[in-house]
C-alpha atoms as a PDB file:
ATOM      1  CA  UNK A   1       0.356-205.879  10.133  1.00  0.00           C
ATOM      2  CA  UNK A   2      -2.118-207.522   8.122  1.00  0.00           C
ATOM      3  CA  UNK A   3      -5.838-207.574   9.358  1.00  0.00           C
ATOM      4  CA  UNK A   4      -8.791-209.302   8.146  1.00  0.00           C
ATOM      5  CA  UNK A   5     -11.919-208.485  10.460  1.00  0.00           C
ATOM      6  CA  UNK A   6     -15.201-209.973   9.800  1.00  0.00           C
ATOM      7  CA  UNK A   7     -18.737-208.368  11.178  1.00  0.00           C
ATOM      8  CA  UNK A   8     -22.438-208.994  10.426  1.00  0.00           C
ATOM      9  CA  UNK A   9     -22.882-212.772  11.711  1.00  0.00           C
ATOM     10  CA  UNK A  10     -26.050-213.272  14.067  1.00  0.00           C
ATOM     11  CA  UNK A  11     -28.799-215.243  14.518  1.00  0.00           C
ATOM     12  CA  UNK A  12     -31.582-215.551  12.034  1.00  0.00           C
ATOM     13  CA  UNK A  13     -34.762-217.425  10.859  1.00  0.00           C
ATOM     14  CA  UNK A  14     -34.167-220.022   8.012  1.00  0.00           C
ATOM     15  CA  UNK A  15     -35.539-218.391   5.205  1.00  0.00           C
ATOM     16  CA  UNK A  16     -33.612-215.004   6.202  1.00  0.00           C
ATOM     17  CA  UNK A  17     -30.953-212.678   5.049  1.00  0.00           C
ATOM     18  CA  UNK A  18     -27.308-211.541   6.531  1.00  0.00           C
ATOM     19  CA  UNK A  19     -24.687-209.722   4.836  1.00  0.00           C
ATOM     20  CA  UNK A  20     -21.310-210.180   6.417  1.00  0.00           C
ATOM     21  CA  UNK A  21     -18.241-207.935   5.590  1.00  0.00           C
ATOM     22  CA  UNK A  22     -14.447-208.345   6.190  1.00  0.00           C
ATOM     23  CA  UNK A  23     -12.626-205.065   6.464  1.00  0.00           C
ATOM     24  CA  UNK A  24      -9.083-205.303   5.598  1.00  0.00           C
ATOM     25  CA  UNK A  25      -6.102-203.558   6.565  1.00  0.00           C
ATOM     26  CA  UNK A  26      -2.041-203.551   6.371  1.00  0.00           C
ATOM     27  CA  UNK A  27      -2.032-205.065   2.903  1.00  0.00           C
ATOM     28  CA  UNK A  28      -3.095-203.802  -0.697  1.00  0.00           C
ATOM     29  CA  UNK A  29      -6.218-204.962  -1.043  1.00  0.00           C
ATOM     30  CA  UNK A  30      -6.715-204.889  -4.881  1.00  0.00           C
ATOM     31  CA  UNK A  31      -3.711-207.432  -5.047  1.00  0.00           C
ATOM     32  CA  UNK A  32      -5.286-210.035  -3.163  1.00  0.00           C
ATOM     33  CA  UNK A  33      -8.206-212.630  -4.370  1.00  0.00           C
ATOM     34  CA  UNK A  34     -10.990-213.099  -1.444  1.00  0.00           C
ATOM     35  CA  UNK A  35     -12.793-215.843  -0.481  1.00  0.00           C
ATOM     36  CA  UNK A  36     -15.214-216.850   2.383  1.00  0.00           C
ATOM     37  CA  UNK A  37     -14.911-219.923   4.343  1.00  0.00           C
ATOM     38  CA  UNK A  38     -16.923-221.438   6.886  1.00  0.00           C
ATOM     39  CA  UNK A  39     -16.613-224.537   9.436  1.00  0.00           C
ATOM     40  CA  UNK A  40     -18.579-226.349  12.346  1.00  0.00           C
ATOM     41  CA  UNK A  41     -16.967-227.322  15.286  1.00  0.00           C
ATOM     42  CA  UNK A  42     -15.406-231.083  14.338  1.00  0.00           C
ATOM     43  CA  UNK A  43     -15.479-230.288  10.847  1.00  0.00           C
ATOM     44  CA  UNK A  44     -12.896-229.470   8.348  1.00  0.00           C
ATOM     45  CA  UNK A  45     -13.322-225.700   7.126  1.00  0.00           C
ATOM     46  CA  UNK A  46     -15.247-225.351   3.730  1.00  0.00           C
ATOM     47  CA  UNK A  47     -15.001-223.319   0.700  1.00  0.00           C
ATOM     48  CA  UNK A  48     -17.981-220.662   0.561  1.00  0.00           C
ATOM     49  CA  UNK A  49     -17.200-218.603  -2.137  1.00  0.00           C
ATOM     50  CA  UNK A  50     -14.206-216.958  -4.079  1.00  0.00           C
ATOM     51  CA  UNK A  51     -13.783-213.507  -6.090  1.00  0.00           C
ATOM     52  CA  UNK A  52     -10.855-212.356  -7.871  1.00  0.00           C
ATOM     53  CA  UNK A  53      -8.915-208.863  -7.638  1.00  0.00           C
ATOM     54  CA  UNK A  54     -11.180-206.852  -9.923  1.00  0.00           C
ATOM     55  CA  UNK A  55     -14.189-208.735  -8.615  1.00  0.00           C
ATOM     56  CA  UNK A  56     -15.226-209.967 -11.958  1.00  0.00           C
ATOM     57  CA  UNK A  57     -14.814-213.398 -11.742  1.00  0.00           C
ATOM     58  CA  UNK A  58     -16.761-215.313  -8.918  1.00  0.00           C
ATOM     59  CA  UNK A  59     -16.968-218.966  -7.992  1.00  0.00           C
ATOM     60  CA  UNK A  60     -18.978-220.579  -5.357  1.00  0.00           C
ATOM     61  CA  UNK A  61     -19.667-223.942  -3.780  1.00  0.00           C
ATOM     62  CA  UNK A  62     -22.626-225.861  -5.035  1.00  0.00           C
ATOM     63  CA  UNK A  63     -24.350-225.930  -1.356  1.00  0.00           C
ATOM     64  CA  UNK A  64     -24.601-221.938  -1.452  1.00  0.00           C
ATOM     65  CA  UNK A  65     -24.677-221.161  -5.344  1.00  0.00           C
ATOM     66  CA  UNK A  66     -27.736-218.918  -6.494  1.00  0.00           C
ATOM     67  CA  UNK A  67     -28.395-218.148  -2.444  1.00  0.00           C
ATOM     68  CA  UNK A  68     -25.208-216.419  -1.780  1.00  0.00           C
ATOM     69  CA  UNK A  69     -23.552-213.422  -3.439  1.00  0.00           C
ATOM     70  CA  UNK A  70     -19.611-212.322  -2.725  1.00  0.00           C
ATOM     71  CA  UNK A  71     -18.568-208.660  -3.945  1.00  0.00           C
ATOM     72  CA  UNK A  72     -15.978-206.795  -2.902  1.00  0.00           C
ATOM     73  CA  UNK A  73     -15.182-203.021  -2.971  1.00  0.00           C
ATOM     74  CA  UNK A  74     -11.384-202.029  -3.552  1.00  0.00           C
ATOM     75  CA  UNK A  75     -11.665-198.690  -2.849  1.00  0.00           C
ATOM     76  CA  UNK A  76     -13.129-199.358   0.694  1.00  0.00           C
ATOM     77  CA  UNK A  77     -10.813-202.550   1.297  1.00  0.00           C
ATOM     78  CA  UNK A  78     -13.851-204.455   2.045  1.00  0.00           C
ATOM     79  CA  UNK A  79     -15.076-208.060   1.020  1.00  0.00           C
ATOM     80  CA  UNK A  80     -18.898-208.732   1.497  1.00  0.00           C
ATOM     81  CA  UNK A  81     -21.057-212.010   1.439  1.00  0.00           C
ATOM     82  CA  UNK A  82     -24.789-211.158   0.828  1.00  0.00           C
ATOM     83  CA  UNK A  83     -26.813-214.573   2.201  1.00  0.00           C
ATOM     84  CA  UNK A  84     -30.236-215.109   1.429  1.00  0.00           C
ATOM     85  CA  UNK A  85     -32.518-217.601   1.640  1.00  0.00           C
ATOM     86  CA  UNK A  86     -30.508-218.728   4.753  1.00  0.00           C
ATOM     87  CA  UNK A  87     -30.410-222.801   5.802  1.00  0.00           C
ATOM     88  CA  UNK A  88     -30.130-224.411   9.524  1.00  0.00           C
ATOM     89  CA  UNK A  89     -26.973-226.299   7.530  1.00  0.00           C
ATOM     90  CA  UNK A  90     -25.626-222.656   6.870  1.00  0.00           C
ATOM     91  CA  UNK A  91     -24.923-222.686  10.670  1.00  0.00           C
ATOM     92  CA  UNK A  92     -21.240-221.815  11.116  1.00  0.00           C
ATOM     93  CA  UNK A  93     -17.914-219.755  11.633  1.00  0.00           C
ATOM     94  CA  UNK A  94     -17.624-217.860   8.666  1.00  0.00           C
ATOM     95  CA  UNK A  95     -14.078-216.524   7.880  1.00  0.00           C
ATOM     96  CA  UNK A  96     -12.617-214.372   4.959  1.00  0.00           C
ATOM     97  CA  UNK A  97      -8.858-215.307   3.525  1.00  0.00           C
ATOM     98  CA  UNK A  98      -6.735-213.581   1.393  1.00  0.00           C
ATOM     99  CA  UNK A  99      -4.467-214.455  -1.381  1.00  0.00           C
ATOM    100  CA  UNK A 100      -1.948-213.144  -3.219  1.00  0.00           C
ATOM    101  CA  UNK A 101      -0.989-215.799  -5.760  1.00  0.00           C
ATOM    102  CA  UNK A 102      -4.145-216.504  -7.350  1.00  0.00           C
ATOM    103  CA  UNK A 103      -5.603-213.900  -9.339  1.00  0.00           C
ATOM    104  CA  UNK A 104      -8.791-215.452  -9.906  1.00  0.00           C
ATOM    105  CA  UNK A 105      -9.278-216.892  -6.555  1.00  0.00           C
ATOM    106  CA  UNK A 106      -9.383-220.505  -5.125  1.00  0.00           C
ATOM    107  CA  UNK A 107     -11.624-223.064  -3.607  1.00  0.00           C
ATOM    108  CA  UNK A 108      -8.142-224.295  -1.802  1.00  0.00           C
ATOM    109  CA  UNK A 109      -7.320-223.141   1.969  1.00  0.00           C
ATOM    110  CA  UNK A 110      -3.774-223.915   1.239  1.00  0.00           C
ATOM    111  CA  UNK A 111      -3.984-221.000  -1.102  1.00  0.00           C
ATOM    112  CA  UNK A 112      -4.691-218.602   1.538  1.00  0.00           C
ATOM    113  CA  UNK A 113      -1.953-216.769   3.164  1.00  0.00           C
ATOM    114  CA  UNK A 114      -4.412-214.634   5.530  1.00  0.00           C
ATOM    115  CA  UNK A 115      -7.168-215.352   7.918  1.00  0.00           C
ATOM    116  CA  UNK A 116      -9.737-213.307   9.686  1.00  0.00           C
ATOM    117  CA  UNK A 117     -10.961-214.477  13.175  1.00  0.00           C
ATOM    118  CA  UNK A 118     -14.282-215.363  12.322  1.00  0.00           C
ATOM    119  CA  UNK A 119     -18.142-214.596  12.596  1.00  0.00           C
ATOM    120  CA  UNK A 120     -20.829-216.409  14.173  1.00  0.00           C
ATOM    121  CA  UNK A 121     -24.013-217.308  11.694  1.00  0.00           C
ATOM    122  CA  UNK A 122     -26.587-219.355  13.425  1.00  0.00           C
ATOM    123  CA  UNK A 123     -29.580-219.998  11.349  1.00  0.00           C
ATOM    124  CA  UNK A 124     -32.845-221.149  13.485  1.00  0.00           C
ATOM    125  CA  UNK A 125     -35.478-224.048  11.892  1.00  0.00           C
END
């Protein structure tokens, strides 16, 4: 049974930092490209960042480029999202996702087979 479990969310002031983690089990982690998405109530889930199998290739939404860093540790089956210079508009539930079919990762929700349950990030102004 595949499980993706996010952690690290919370309440932070604007300009602050948070580090999200996503612990994976039940799959061969190194054979899955990974991504972070986020969602605000009433809006569609949107792409944040993606990372390739080895971690050598990454891609970011324009809204987070230069502030967020996605990384992975295949030995520990864990995905990370370092979020710096947080803004109130970053407030959302953050989800990790895994796909076996796009080695370099993908921006498209439909490409992802497995999803975590989400962790809430709230940035106060």
